[in-house]
Protein backbone atom coordinates (compact mmCIF):
# COMPACT_ATOMS: atom_id res chain seq x y z
CA MET A 1 -53.42 -70.88 -7.74
CA ALA A 2 -55.17 -67.57 -7.76
CA LYS A 3 -55.71 -67.81 -4.11
CA GLY A 4 -51.99 -68.43 -3.55
CA LEU A 5 -51.19 -65.17 -5.55
CA ASN A 6 -53.66 -63.18 -3.36
CA ARG A 7 -52.08 -64.53 -0.21
CA ASP A 8 -48.59 -63.54 -1.36
CA ARG A 9 -49.80 -60.03 -2.24
CA MET A 10 -51.40 -59.75 1.25
CA GLY A 11 -48.26 -60.80 2.90
CA THR A 12 -46.22 -58.33 0.99
CA SER A 13 -48.56 -55.40 1.68
CA GLN A 14 -48.51 -56.37 5.34
CA SER A 15 -44.72 -56.61 5.48
CA MET A 16 -44.49 -53.14 3.94
CA VAL A 17 -46.45 -51.62 6.82
CA ILE A 18 -43.58 -51.98 9.35
CA PRO A 19 -40.87 -50.32 7.24
CA ALA A 20 -43.43 -47.65 6.31
CA LEU A 21 -44.02 -47.03 10.08
CA ILE A 22 -40.28 -46.87 10.73
CA VAL A 23 -39.65 -44.51 7.85
CA GLY A 24 -42.66 -42.31 9.00
CA GLY A 25 -41.53 -42.31 12.60
CA ALA A 26 -38.03 -41.29 11.56
CA ILE A 27 -39.43 -38.45 9.52
CA LEU A 28 -41.62 -37.34 12.40
CA ALA A 29 -38.70 -37.45 14.84
CA GLY A 30 -36.46 -35.59 12.47
CA SER A 31 -39.11 -32.87 11.95
CA MET A 32 -39.36 -32.47 15.70
CA VAL A 33 -35.60 -32.05 15.94
CA VAL A 34 -35.55 -29.48 13.06
CA LYS A 35 -38.52 -27.67 14.77
CA ASN A 36 -36.74 -27.44 18.10
CA SER A 37 -33.64 -26.20 16.29
CA LEU A 38 -35.63 -23.44 14.52
CA ASP A 39 -37.29 -22.46 17.68
CA LYS A 40 -33.87 -22.02 19.41
CA THR A 41 -32.53 -20.15 16.42
CA THR A 42 -35.44 -17.89 16.44
CA THR A 43 -34.97 -17.09 20.22
CA GLN A 44 -31.29 -16.38 19.57
CA LEU A 45 -32.10 -14.13 16.66
CA ALA A 46 -34.52 -12.19 18.95
CA ASP A 47 -31.78 -11.77 21.51
CA ILE A 48 -29.29 -10.60 18.91
CA ARG A 49 -31.68 -8.00 17.57
CA SER A 50 -32.41 -6.87 21.06
CA GLY A 51 -28.59 -6.50 21.52
CA LEU A 52 -28.19 -4.61 18.32
CA ASN A 53 -31.02 -2.11 19.27
CA GLU A 54 -29.24 -1.62 22.62
CA THR A 55 -25.96 -0.97 20.68
CA ARG A 56 -27.70 1.39 18.18
CA VAL A 57 -29.15 3.41 21.18
CA ALA A 58 -25.64 3.58 22.89
CA LEU A 59 -24.07 4.69 19.61
CA ASP A 60 -26.60 7.35 19.00
CA ALA A 61 -26.07 8.58 22.54
CA VAL A 62 -22.27 8.93 21.79
CA VAL A 63 -22.99 10.70 18.50
CA THR A 64 -25.35 13.10 20.23
CA ALA A 65 -22.81 13.70 23.07
CA LYS A 66 -20.09 14.29 20.50
CA ASN A 67 -22.09 16.74 18.58
CA THR A 68 -23.18 18.64 21.62
CA ALA A 69 -19.76 18.75 23.23
CA ALA A 70 -18.08 22.10 23.59
CA ALA A 71 -16.46 23.23 20.35
CA PRO A 72 -12.74 23.45 20.63
CA SER A 73 -11.40 26.79 21.75
CA ARG A 74 -10.07 28.96 19.12
CA ARG A 75 -6.42 29.42 19.12
CA ARG A 76 -5.34 32.67 20.79
CA GLY A 77 -2.85 35.06 19.19
CA PRO A 78 -1.99 35.76 15.65
CA ASP A 79 -2.56 33.26 12.81
CA PRO A 80 0.72 31.63 12.07
CA ASN A 81 -0.17 31.00 8.48
CA LYS A 82 -1.11 34.62 7.77
CA ARG A 83 1.43 37.24 6.47
CA TYR A 84 1.44 40.53 8.29
CA THR A 85 2.99 43.76 6.89
CA LEU A 86 4.81 45.84 9.57
CA ILE A 87 6.25 49.22 9.08
CA THR A 88 9.83 49.22 10.39
CA LYS A 89 11.01 52.50 8.82
CA GLY A 90 12.73 54.62 11.48
CA ARG A 91 12.92 51.84 14.06
CA PRO A 92 16.25 50.47 15.53
CA ILE A 93 17.81 47.74 13.53
CA LYS A 94 20.71 45.29 13.78
CA GLY A 95 22.50 44.33 10.53
CA SER A 96 22.29 45.48 6.96
CA ALA A 97 19.31 47.60 5.92
CA ARG A 98 19.38 45.63 2.57
CA ALA A 99 18.90 42.28 4.09
CA LYS A 100 16.53 39.89 2.28
CA VAL A 101 14.95 38.67 5.40
CA GLU A 102 13.88 40.88 8.39
CA ILE A 103 13.07 39.55 11.86
CA VAL A 104 10.89 41.78 13.80
CA GLU A 105 10.58 41.34 17.56
CA PHE A 106 7.76 42.81 19.47
CA SER A 107 7.46 42.88 23.22
CA ASP A 108 4.83 44.31 25.51
CA PHE A 109 5.85 44.70 29.12
CA GLN A 110 2.40 45.56 30.58
């Protein structure tokens, strides 16, 4: 009987080889798929980084151009937010001399 037990054990271990090869092959094939996917992803990330660097260079150029652009010209004429004191004593007027508001008109015909 001891011989029969050994034969059963040998048959069982041999029958386990084929499923082990199938599982091992599946793992190997799956790892190849994952490796190829990682390689493609790495290439895509490199392309994205390159595009980001190009975008960064273009944005830096825009900022530099904006900073070196001519400053806006100053407004010509009097400041509309500033109060000016004018001496109107002895000048021709229309209306009451005691008015709360005076409108002064100045013209230069040169």
